[in-house]
Protein backbone atom coordinates (compact mmCIF):
# COMPACT_ATOMS: atom_id res chain seq x y z
CA MET A 1 -59.53 -181.74 -92.73
CA SER A 2 -62.07 -179.40 -93.86
CA PRO A 3 -65.77 -180.78 -93.09
CA ASP A 4 -66.47 -180.47 -96.86
CA GLU A 5 -63.19 -182.42 -98.25
CA PRO A 6 -63.23 -186.01 -99.10
CA ASP A 7 -61.21 -188.65 -96.63
CA ARG A 8 -57.74 -189.59 -98.14
CA PRO A 9 -54.90 -191.51 -97.07
CA ALA A 10 -52.73 -190.06 -94.39
CA GLU A 11 -49.66 -190.77 -96.44
CA ARG A 12 -48.90 -188.82 -99.62
CA ARG A 13 -46.04 -189.70 -102.11
CA ALA A 14 -44.38 -185.96 -102.71
CA GLU A 15 -41.88 -187.03 -105.11
CA GLY A 16 -40.63 -190.22 -106.90
CA GLY A 17 -37.63 -192.40 -106.38
CA ARG A 18 -39.20 -195.60 -105.27
CA GLN A 19 -37.33 -197.79 -107.70
CA ALA A 20 -34.46 -197.82 -110.34
CA ARG A 21 -35.89 -195.61 -113.60
CA PRO A 22 -35.78 -196.44 -117.34
CA ARG A 23 -33.85 -194.12 -119.50
CA PHE A 24 -35.81 -191.80 -120.92
CA ASN A 25 -35.48 -192.96 -124.37
CA GLU A 26 -36.75 -196.48 -123.42
CA VAL A 27 -39.82 -195.03 -121.65
CA GLU A 28 -40.71 -192.77 -124.67
CA ARG A 29 -40.33 -196.00 -126.84
CA LEU A 30 -42.98 -197.60 -124.33
CA VAL A 31 -45.20 -194.91 -124.78
CA ALA A 32 -44.72 -195.00 -128.76
CA SER A 33 -45.73 -198.80 -128.26
CA ALA A 34 -48.59 -198.55 -126.19
CA ALA A 35 -49.79 -195.02 -127.58
CA GLU A 36 -53.22 -195.56 -129.88
CA ALA A 37 -52.28 -193.24 -132.83
CA LEU A 38 -55.67 -190.88 -133.87
CA PRO A 39 -56.53 -189.82 -137.16
CA ASP A 40 -57.41 -186.37 -138.25
CA PHE A 41 -60.89 -184.80 -136.74
CA GLY A 42 -62.24 -184.72 -140.40
CA ASP A 43 -62.28 -189.10 -140.26
CA ASP A 44 -65.15 -190.47 -138.34
CA SER A 45 -62.93 -193.04 -136.56
CA PHE A 46 -61.74 -190.25 -134.78
CA ALA A 47 -64.28 -190.25 -132.05
CA ARG A 48 -65.34 -194.00 -132.24
CA VAL A 49 -62.00 -194.71 -130.33
CA PHE A 50 -63.87 -193.60 -127.53
CA ASP A 51 -66.55 -196.00 -127.91
CA ARG A 52 -64.68 -198.10 -125.18
CA TYR A 53 -66.13 -195.60 -122.79
CA GLY A 54 -69.87 -195.67 -124.12
CA ASP A 55 -71.07 -197.44 -121.03
CA ALA A 56 -69.83 -195.06 -118.08
CA ARG A 57 -72.21 -192.96 -116.12
CA VAL A 58 -69.74 -189.66 -116.22
CA VAL A 59 -66.88 -189.11 -119.08
CA MET A 60 -64.70 -185.86 -117.81
CA LEU A 61 -63.10 -184.52 -121.01
CA GLY A 62 -59.89 -182.18 -119.89
CA THR A 63 -58.17 -179.39 -121.31
CA ALA A 64 -54.89 -178.41 -120.43
CA CYS A 65 -55.53 -174.76 -121.80
CA PRO A 66 -58.80 -173.45 -122.74
CA GLY A 67 -57.54 -171.70 -125.42
CA VAL A 68 -56.46 -174.58 -127.76
CA SER A 69 -58.38 -175.63 -130.95
CA GLU A 70 -57.54 -179.20 -130.81
CA PHE A 71 -58.55 -179.78 -127.48
CA ALA A 72 -61.85 -177.87 -127.85
CA ARG A 73 -62.75 -179.65 -131.38
CA ALA A 74 -61.66 -183.37 -129.91
CA ARG A 75 -64.28 -182.65 -126.62
CA ALA A 76 -66.54 -181.67 -129.26
CA GLN A 77 -66.32 -184.29 -131.51
CA ILE A 78 -65.88 -187.03 -128.51
CA THR A 79 -69.52 -185.96 -127.02
CA ARG A 80 -71.27 -185.84 -130.16
CA ARG A 81 -70.04 -189.37 -130.30
CA LEU A 82 -71.31 -190.39 -126.97
CA ILE A 83 -74.77 -188.45 -127.25
CA GLU A 84 -75.39 -190.35 -130.99
CA ARG A 85 -74.13 -193.61 -130.30
CA HIS A 86 -74.29 -193.99 -126.49
CA GLY A 87 -77.48 -192.24 -124.99
CA PHE A 88 -75.69 -189.38 -123.12
CA THR A 89 -78.37 -186.58 -122.38
CA VAL A 90 -76.05 -183.91 -120.50
CA VAL A 91 -72.88 -182.22 -121.67
CA ALA A 92 -71.93 -180.07 -118.29
CA VAL A 93 -69.25 -177.80 -118.65
CA GLU A 94 -67.07 -176.05 -115.85
CA ALA A 95 -68.14 -172.73 -117.00
CA ASP A 96 -71.06 -169.95 -115.39
CA TRP A 97 -74.25 -171.19 -114.84
CA ALA A 98 -76.15 -168.66 -116.22
CA ASP A 99 -74.59 -169.00 -119.19
CA GLY A 100 -75.06 -172.06 -119.61
CA ARG A 101 -78.94 -171.92 -118.95
CA ARG A 102 -79.06 -169.49 -121.83
CA ILE A 103 -77.15 -171.84 -124.02
CA ASP A 104 -79.65 -175.09 -122.74
CA HIS A 105 -82.72 -172.96 -123.90
CA PHE A 106 -81.17 -172.38 -127.39
CA THR A 107 -80.37 -175.75 -127.84
CA ARG A 108 -83.47 -177.48 -126.08
CA HIS A 109 -85.79 -174.77 -128.42
CA ARG A 110 -87.02 -172.95 -125.71
CA ALA A 111 -88.24 -169.80 -124.63
CA PRO A 112 -84.51 -167.34 -124.90
CA VAL A 113 -83.27 -166.24 -121.60
CA ARG A 114 -83.04 -162.31 -121.80
CA ASP A 115 -82.09 -161.43 -118.12
CA GLN A 116 -78.07 -160.99 -118.60
CA GLY A 117 -77.54 -160.23 -122.33
CA TRP A 118 -75.49 -162.57 -124.69
CA ALA A 119 -73.87 -165.87 -123.33
CA PHE A 120 -70.26 -165.13 -122.07
CA ALA A 121 -69.77 -161.65 -122.04
CA ASP A 122 -67.58 -161.77 -118.96
CA PHE A 123 -63.92 -162.02 -119.03
CA PRO A 124 -62.70 -164.72 -120.14
CA GLY A 125 -65.87 -165.16 -122.41
CA TRP A 126 -63.37 -165.56 -125.71
CA ALA A 127 -62.43 -169.01 -124.18
CA TRP A 128 -66.02 -170.24 -125.06
CA ARG A 129 -67.71 -167.74 -127.34
CA THR A 130 -65.46 -169.46 -130.41
CA THR A 131 -65.86 -170.90 -133.60
CA GLU A 132 -65.41 -174.21 -132.19
CA MET A 133 -68.08 -173.75 -129.48
CA ARG A 134 -70.97 -172.37 -132.06
CA SER A 135 -70.41 -175.10 -134.16
CA PHE A 136 -71.18 -177.54 -131.28
CA ILE A 137 -73.92 -175.52 -130.21
CA ASP A 138 -75.81 -175.54 -133.64
CA TRP A 139 -75.17 -179.06 -133.70
CA LEU A 140 -76.41 -179.77 -130.80
CA ARG A 141 -79.70 -177.39 -131.20
CA ALA A 142 -80.08 -179.83 -134.48
CA TRP A 143 -79.93 -182.61 -132.67
CA ASN A 144 -82.74 -182.12 -130.00
CA GLY A 145 -84.86 -180.68 -132.85
CA ARG A 146 -84.90 -184.60 -133.89
CA THR A 147 -85.51 -185.77 -130.49
CA ALA A 148 -88.60 -186.17 -128.35
CA ARG A 149 -89.87 -182.90 -126.34
CA GLY A 150 -88.10 -184.31 -122.27
CA ARG A 151 -85.35 -186.65 -123.81
CA GLU A 152 -83.13 -183.87 -125.14
CA VAL A 153 -79.58 -183.53 -124.04
CA ARG A 154 -79.23 -180.78 -121.60
CA PHE A 155 -76.44 -178.20 -121.76
CA VAL A 156 -75.18 -177.33 -117.90
CA GLY A 157 -73.16 -174.71 -116.58
CA LEU A 158 -71.62 -176.11 -113.21
CA ASP A 159 -70.29 -173.40 -111.67
CA ILE A 160 -73.58 -171.58 -109.81
CA PHE A 161 -71.52 -169.55 -108.03
CA SER A 162 -69.97 -168.34 -110.91
CA LEU A 163 -66.38 -167.55 -110.37
CA HIS A 164 -65.32 -165.26 -113.77
CA SER A 165 -68.54 -163.67 -113.28
CA SER A 166 -67.84 -162.62 -109.70
CA ILE A 167 -64.70 -161.45 -110.04
CA CYS A 168 -65.82 -159.46 -112.59
CA LEU A 169 -68.11 -157.99 -110.43
CA THR A 170 -65.52 -157.53 -107.81
CA LEU A 171 -63.33 -155.57 -109.94
CA GLN A 172 -65.92 -153.28 -110.96
CA LEU A 173 -67.30 -152.18 -107.68
CA LEU A 174 -63.37 -151.85 -106.72
CA ASP A 175 -62.83 -149.49 -109.41
CA ARG A 176 -65.60 -147.18 -107.91
CA ILE A 177 -65.21 -147.36 -104.46
CA ALA A 178 -61.49 -148.23 -104.05
CA PRO A 179 -59.18 -147.91 -107.53
CA GLN A 180 -55.89 -148.46 -105.42
CA ALA A 181 -57.20 -151.77 -104.33
CA ALA A 182 -58.51 -152.81 -107.70
CA VAL A 183 -55.19 -152.21 -108.91
CA ALA A 184 -53.70 -154.84 -106.67
CA ALA A 185 -56.64 -157.03 -107.02
CA ARG A 186 -56.33 -157.21 -110.63
CA LEU A 187 -52.42 -158.67 -109.98
CA GLU A 188 -53.91 -161.06 -107.92
CA PHE A 189 -56.62 -162.40 -110.32
CA SER A 190 -54.01 -162.89 -112.71
CA GLU A 191 -52.59 -165.26 -110.52
CA LEU A 192 -55.56 -167.50 -110.29
CA ALA A 193 -55.23 -170.93 -110.24
CA PRO A 194 -55.79 -174.00 -108.64
CA TRP A 195 -51.76 -174.89 -108.51
CA HIS A 196 -50.95 -171.40 -107.25
CA PHE A 197 -52.01 -172.32 -103.67
CA GLY A 198 -51.16 -168.60 -101.80
CA ALA A 199 -52.89 -166.51 -104.08
CA TYR A 200 -56.46 -167.69 -104.71
CA GLY A 201 -58.04 -164.16 -103.73
CA LEU A 202 -57.39 -160.91 -102.57
CA ARG A 203 -55.95 -160.79 -99.29
CA GLU A 204 -52.25 -161.72 -99.89
CA ALA A 205 -52.19 -158.80 -102.69
CA ALA A 206 -53.20 -155.66 -100.87
CA GLY A 207 -53.36 -156.58 -97.32
CA ASP A 208 -55.74 -156.82 -94.52
CA GLU A 209 -55.73 -152.64 -94.60
CA GLY A 210 -56.15 -152.39 -98.48
CA LEU A 211 -58.84 -154.27 -98.75
CA HIS A 212 -61.09 -155.54 -95.48
CA PRO A 213 -63.17 -152.26 -95.26
CA TYR A 214 -64.38 -153.38 -98.68
CA GLU A 215 -65.22 -156.79 -97.80
CA ASN A 216 -68.85 -156.60 -96.71
CA GLU A 217 -69.90 -154.63 -99.51
CA VAL A 218 -68.38 -156.56 -102.23
CA VAL A 219 -69.95 -159.85 -100.58
CA HIS A 220 -72.94 -158.53 -100.23
CA ARG A 221 -73.28 -157.30 -103.96
CA LEU A 222 -72.36 -161.20 -104.91
CA GLY A 223 -74.72 -162.10 -103.02
CA ASP A 224 -77.13 -160.03 -104.17
CA ALA A 225 -76.22 -160.87 -108.09
CA LEU A 226 -76.78 -164.67 -107.21
CA VAL A 227 -80.39 -163.69 -105.83
CA ASP A 228 -81.39 -162.33 -108.91
CA ARG A 229 -79.91 -165.03 -111.12
CA LEU A 230 -81.93 -167.71 -109.40
CA GLU A 231 -84.74 -165.41 -109.08
CA ALA A 232 -84.58 -165.23 -112.73
CA ALA A 233 -84.82 -169.33 -113.44
CA ALA A 234 -87.41 -170.10 -110.37
CA ASP A 235 -89.37 -172.72 -112.17
CA GLU A 236 -85.75 -174.72 -112.92
CA VAL A 237 -84.11 -174.06 -109.51
CA PRO A 238 -85.78 -176.37 -106.93
CA GLU A 239 -86.84 -173.95 -104.13
CA GLY A 240 -84.62 -176.05 -101.00
CA GLN A 241 -81.66 -175.91 -103.91
CA ALA A 242 -82.28 -172.14 -103.98
CA ALA A 243 -82.06 -172.12 -100.40
CA LYS A 244 -78.72 -174.20 -100.07
CA LEU A 245 -77.03 -172.18 -102.67
CA LEU A 246 -78.20 -168.92 -100.54
CA HIS A 247 -76.91 -170.36 -97.35
CA SER A 248 -73.52 -171.21 -98.56
CA ALA A 249 -73.12 -167.97 -101.07
CA GLU A 250 -71.76 -165.56 -98.33
CA ARG A 251 -69.39 -168.04 -96.79
CA TYR A 252 -67.93 -168.92 -100.23
CA TYR A 253 -67.88 -165.10 -101.37
CA ARG A 254 -65.79 -164.15 -98.23
CA TYR A 255 -63.50 -167.36 -98.92
CA LEU A 256 -62.79 -166.18 -102.35
CA TYR A 257 -62.18 -162.37 -101.26
CA ARG A 258 -60.03 -163.29 -98.53
CA GLY A 259 -57.71 -165.93 -100.69
CA ALA A 260 -58.85 -168.78 -98.39
CA PRO A 261 -58.22 -172.28 -100.37
CA ALA A 262 -61.60 -173.44 -98.93
CA SER A 263 -63.19 -171.26 -101.87
CA TRP A 264 -61.80 -173.97 -104.33
CA ASN A 265 -63.12 -176.95 -102.31
CA LEU A 266 -66.87 -175.35 -101.57
CA ARG A 267 -67.22 -174.35 -105.29
CA ASN A 268 -66.36 -177.70 -106.39
CA ARG A 269 -68.35 -179.19 -103.75
CA HIS A 270 -71.52 -177.42 -105.43
CA MET A 271 -70.72 -178.01 -109.03
CA PHE A 272 -70.45 -181.85 -108.20
CA ASP A 273 -73.66 -181.39 -106.25
CA LEU A 274 -75.37 -180.07 -109.86
CA LEU A 275 -73.60 -182.72 -112.00
CA LEU A 276 -75.26 -185.42 -109.43
CA SER A 277 -78.75 -184.13 -109.51
CA CYS A 278 -78.70 -183.56 -113.68
CA LEU A 279 -77.74 -187.43 -113.54
CA GLY A 280 -80.31 -188.51 -111.51
CA CYS A 281 -82.89 -186.01 -112.97
CA ARG A 282 -84.23 -188.84 -115.39
CA SER A 283 -85.50 -192.43 -115.57
CA PRO A 284 -83.54 -194.50 -116.52
CA PRO A 285 -80.34 -192.21 -114.70
CA ALA A 286 -78.72 -189.55 -117.53
CA LYS A 287 -75.08 -190.05 -118.82
CA ALA A 288 -73.02 -186.78 -118.61
CA VAL A 289 -70.35 -185.81 -120.48
CA VAL A 290 -68.07 -182.94 -118.68
CA TRP A 291 -65.78 -180.39 -119.99
CA ALA A 292 -63.50 -178.72 -117.42
CA HIS A 293 -60.21 -178.34 -117.18
CA ASN A 294 -57.34 -180.77 -116.22
CA ALA A 295 -57.14 -179.55 -113.10
CA GLN A 296 -60.89 -180.09 -112.23
CA ALA A 297 -61.69 -183.50 -114.49
CA GLY A 298 -58.45 -185.17 -113.13
CA ASN A 299 -58.73 -186.97 -109.83
CA SER A 300 -57.01 -184.46 -107.35
CA ALA A 301 -55.72 -187.11 -104.98
CA ALA A 302 -53.17 -187.88 -107.10
CA THR A 303 -51.85 -184.46 -107.83
CA GLU A 304 -50.10 -181.56 -105.83
CA MET A 305 -53.14 -179.72 -105.02
CA GLY A 306 -54.79 -182.79 -103.35
CA TRP A 307 -51.49 -183.45 -101.37
CA SER A 308 -51.94 -179.38 -100.22
CA GLY A 309 -55.93 -180.37 -99.09
CA THR A 310 -58.32 -179.46 -102.33
CA PHE A 311 -60.18 -181.65 -104.17
CA ASN A 312 -61.74 -181.41 -107.52
CA LEU A 313 -64.71 -182.74 -109.43
CA GLY A 314 -62.77 -185.56 -110.81
CA GLU A 315 -61.67 -186.72 -107.22
CA LEU A 316 -65.31 -186.77 -105.84
CA ALA A 317 -66.48 -188.38 -108.74
CA ARG A 318 -63.90 -190.89 -108.86
CA ARG A 319 -64.97 -191.30 -105.11
CA SER A 320 -68.52 -191.22 -105.84
CA LEU A 321 -69.33 -192.96 -109.02
CA GLY A 322 -66.22 -195.32 -109.02
CA GLU A 323 -65.04 -196.99 -112.64
CA ALA A 324 -68.18 -195.44 -113.69
CA ALA A 325 -66.39 -192.09 -114.26
CA VAL A 326 -63.51 -191.96 -116.58
CA LEU A 327 -61.12 -189.25 -116.54
CA VAL A 328 -59.34 -188.33 -119.81
CA GLY A 329 -57.02 -185.58 -119.60
CA CYS A 330 -55.81 -183.88 -122.65
CA GLY A 331 -52.17 -182.20 -123.50
CA GLY A 332 -50.00 -180.68 -125.92
CA ASP A 333 -46.22 -180.18 -126.58
CA HIS A 334 -45.49 -176.83 -128.54
CA GLY A 335 -47.50 -174.45 -131.17
CA ARG A 336 -49.84 -171.45 -130.07
CA ILE A 337 -52.43 -170.56 -128.13
CA ALA A 338 -55.00 -168.25 -126.88
CA ALA A 339 -54.36 -166.53 -123.75
CA ALA A 340 -54.69 -163.04 -121.87
CA ALA A 341 -52.05 -161.33 -120.50
CA ASP A 342 -53.77 -159.93 -117.58
CA TRP A 343 -57.43 -160.10 -116.08
CA GLY A 344 -59.65 -158.82 -117.85
CA ALA A 345 -57.36 -158.22 -121.09
CA ALA A 346 -58.22 -159.06 -124.51
CA ALA A 347 -57.27 -162.84 -125.82
CA GLN A 348 -53.90 -162.78 -128.07
CA ALA A 349 -52.35 -165.87 -130.18
CA VAL A 350 -49.29 -166.93 -128.44
CA PRO A 351 -46.21 -169.01 -128.85
CA LEU A 352 -46.13 -172.04 -126.43
CA PRO A 353 -42.51 -173.45 -126.32
CA PRO A 354 -41.42 -177.40 -125.76
CA ALA A 355 -42.51 -178.50 -122.23
CA ARG A 356 -39.59 -178.34 -119.99
CA PHE A 357 -37.35 -181.33 -119.95
CA ASP A 358 -38.56 -183.48 -116.94
CA SER A 359 -42.20 -183.18 -117.54
CA TYR A 360 -44.81 -185.59 -118.52
CA GLU A 361 -45.29 -183.61 -121.89
CA HIS A 362 -41.94 -183.57 -122.77
CA LEU A 363 -42.04 -187.64 -122.45
CA PHE A 364 -45.00 -187.53 -124.49
CA ALA A 365 -43.30 -185.35 -127.25
CA GLY A 366 -40.44 -187.99 -127.37
CA ALA A 367 -42.78 -190.53 -128.50
CA ALA A 368 -42.76 -188.62 -132.10
CA ARG A 369 -46.90 -189.51 -132.87
CA LYS A 370 -48.56 -186.67 -134.18
CA GLN A 371 -51.76 -187.16 -132.08
CA PHE A 372 -52.67 -190.13 -129.75
CA LEU A 373 -54.68 -191.79 -126.88
CA LEU A 374 -52.84 -193.41 -124.11
CA GLU A 375 -54.69 -195.69 -121.32
CA LEU A 376 -53.13 -195.14 -117.86
CA GLY A 377 -53.76 -197.07 -115.16
CA GLU A 378 -54.60 -200.50 -114.54
CA ARG A 379 -54.85 -200.20 -118.42
CA SER A 380 -51.52 -199.52 -119.54
CA ALA A 381 -48.46 -202.41 -119.27
CA PRO A 382 -47.03 -202.67 -115.90
CA PRO A 383 -43.14 -200.98 -116.89
CA LEU A 384 -44.77 -197.97 -118.42
CA ARG A 385 -47.09 -197.61 -115.36
CA ASP A 386 -44.56 -198.21 -112.88
CA PHE A 387 -42.60 -195.15 -114.49
CA LEU A 388 -45.94 -193.02 -115.33
CA SER A 389 -46.54 -193.50 -111.22
CA GLU A 390 -43.82 -191.94 -110.64
CA PRO A 391 -44.72 -188.07 -109.83
CA ARG A 392 -43.12 -185.41 -112.30
CA PRO A 393 -44.37 -182.20 -113.25
CA GLU A 394 -47.49 -181.73 -115.46
CA ARG A 395 -48.32 -178.42 -117.39
CA LEU A 396 -51.37 -176.70 -116.79
CA LEU A 397 -52.09 -173.48 -118.51
CA ASP A 398 -54.93 -171.42 -117.66
CA VAL A 399 -56.83 -168.24 -119.85
CA ILE A 400 -54.19 -165.94 -118.32
CA TYR A 401 -50.32 -167.09 -119.34
CA HIS A 402 -46.94 -164.89 -118.99
CA PRO A 403 -44.36 -166.87 -121.66
CA GLY A 404 -41.42 -165.37 -119.71
CA GLY A 405 -42.22 -167.16 -116.56
CA GLU A 406 -44.33 -169.97 -118.19
CA ARG A 407 -41.60 -173.21 -116.90
CA GLU A 408 -41.45 -171.82 -113.33
CA ASP A 409 -45.31 -170.93 -112.81
CA HIS A 410 -47.45 -173.56 -114.85
CA TYR A 411 -46.47 -176.65 -113.89
CA VAL A 412 -48.03 -179.05 -110.76
CA LEU A 413 -46.64 -182.05 -109.53
CA ALA A 414 -48.50 -185.31 -110.22
CA ASP A 415 -48.62 -188.93 -110.36
CA LEU A 416 -50.27 -189.10 -113.80
CA SER A 417 -51.21 -192.81 -113.77
CA GLN A 418 -53.88 -192.28 -110.66
CA GLN A 419 -54.81 -188.59 -111.67
CA PHE A 420 -56.41 -189.85 -115.41
CA ASP A 421 -57.73 -193.04 -117.12
CA ALA A 422 -56.32 -191.99 -120.41
CA VAL A 423 -54.71 -188.66 -122.05
CA LEU A 424 -55.60 -187.56 -125.22
CA TRP A 425 -52.42 -185.68 -126.80
CA PHE A 426 -51.99 -183.80 -129.56
CA ASP A 427 -48.24 -182.30 -130.08
CA GLU A 428 -48.81 -179.61 -131.89
CA LEU A 429 -51.36 -176.98 -131.00
CA ARG A 430 -53.01 -173.86 -132.26
CA PRO A 431 -55.36 -171.33 -130.50
CA VAL A 432 -59.17 -171.11 -130.34
CA ALA A 433 -60.80 -168.92 -132.92
CA PRO A 434 -62.81 -166.30 -130.33
CA LEU A 435 -65.65 -164.88 -132.41
CA PRO A 436 -66.26 -160.96 -132.17
CA VAL A 437 -67.98 -159.28 -129.65
CA GLY A 438 -70.71 -157.26 -131.64
CA ARG A 439 -73.65 -158.22 -134.45
CA LEU A 440 -72.38 -161.60 -136.07
CA ARG A 441 -73.34 -162.83 -139.55
CA GLY A 442 -75.94 -165.63 -140.10
CA ILE A 443 -76.58 -166.08 -136.72
CA GLN A 444 -80.30 -166.23 -135.61
CA PRO A 445 -81.41 -163.28 -133.19
CA ASP A 446 -82.31 -165.64 -130.23
CA HIS A 447 -78.70 -167.18 -130.39
CA PRO A 448 -76.39 -167.04 -127.37
CA PHE A 449 -73.89 -165.57 -128.79
CA ALA A 450 -76.10 -162.79 -130.66
CA MET A 451 -76.30 -159.21 -128.98
């Protein structure tokens, strides 16, 4: 067990079969009966359903795919409700820390951050640089403008090691010093996802001889970039925290480069430490909404990822905060999503076929509800709880999507009843609307999306 890994029970359930399973249509009726139908987004009562989580310290709002408009709009509307009615004062997102800092300065009416151009410039910036995100940023700025100084809502990018920026910088360096290795690296990064356990880095793609000679140069350059970011924010990052990050940085970047699964754990540990520091930075302690992929927002101890030795934000929050952390997943069945074909490619609206027949998504689609909230675990009735606790495939889509391999490459085995406290469901999905890169009409010069 890695020293960074939380303690877990020794035994794992790798597959179901503990008891006779009800017929599928019977379970669909159980889901339909337990599901709470939700109104359209334009109805104020949509977010009111989530008042039940208002007393939590952390509410994690997951997404099964970053390129889905329904997921983005839902988390924005729910977050607004938790801020307005329940005193949440931190919005923490699974995105680069430097980008989050630019948005935080804008929404809290601080001096603009001008060290790195506009926010979300690196791939896959289109997943965040959207009309949905701009609407929320503009609302948050207006809210903070009506709030006493020092009591505003903070916006935080949790990924201080900047996974996507680090990959982009790695590819830029390899393009210059080793073009052939860069080709292999792009193929490997196109498979980057926590459920692709053997493909989390570069070593598998090109072999030791192909990439090893460039490791030190890449790692040192990534470390220099982190130093630059920390120096630019010296007034916001305590010296002790900066030293801790720099001490961990080289190990993290080598793990990432070599394809070691430990890079995922180390990055998640630091993201969670930053979240905890945000929770404790006020008196009384803050309450946070976290926006993350389902692979981060759920409890990984109840998934194939956790059974293989990796952990995530959801598991760390559950172990640290117990029931004060509420984990909400977000899923859907079919429609269209925004995704790229390869690392660095532009986003396109691509068709999403209905989920595979043995998945949780297929089961929820059979409930014949347009959109609903389904509470899980101890909050659900025993017959449904028992069935949903039998591990089955769960669909997880990332920024890179290959339609031809959807049914083989984008599912992970999970016990949904233990992974999430609730699931927010949308039967039909639409893609997010990325903003163009360039001058935008009607936008303030200091907006984080401005050139």
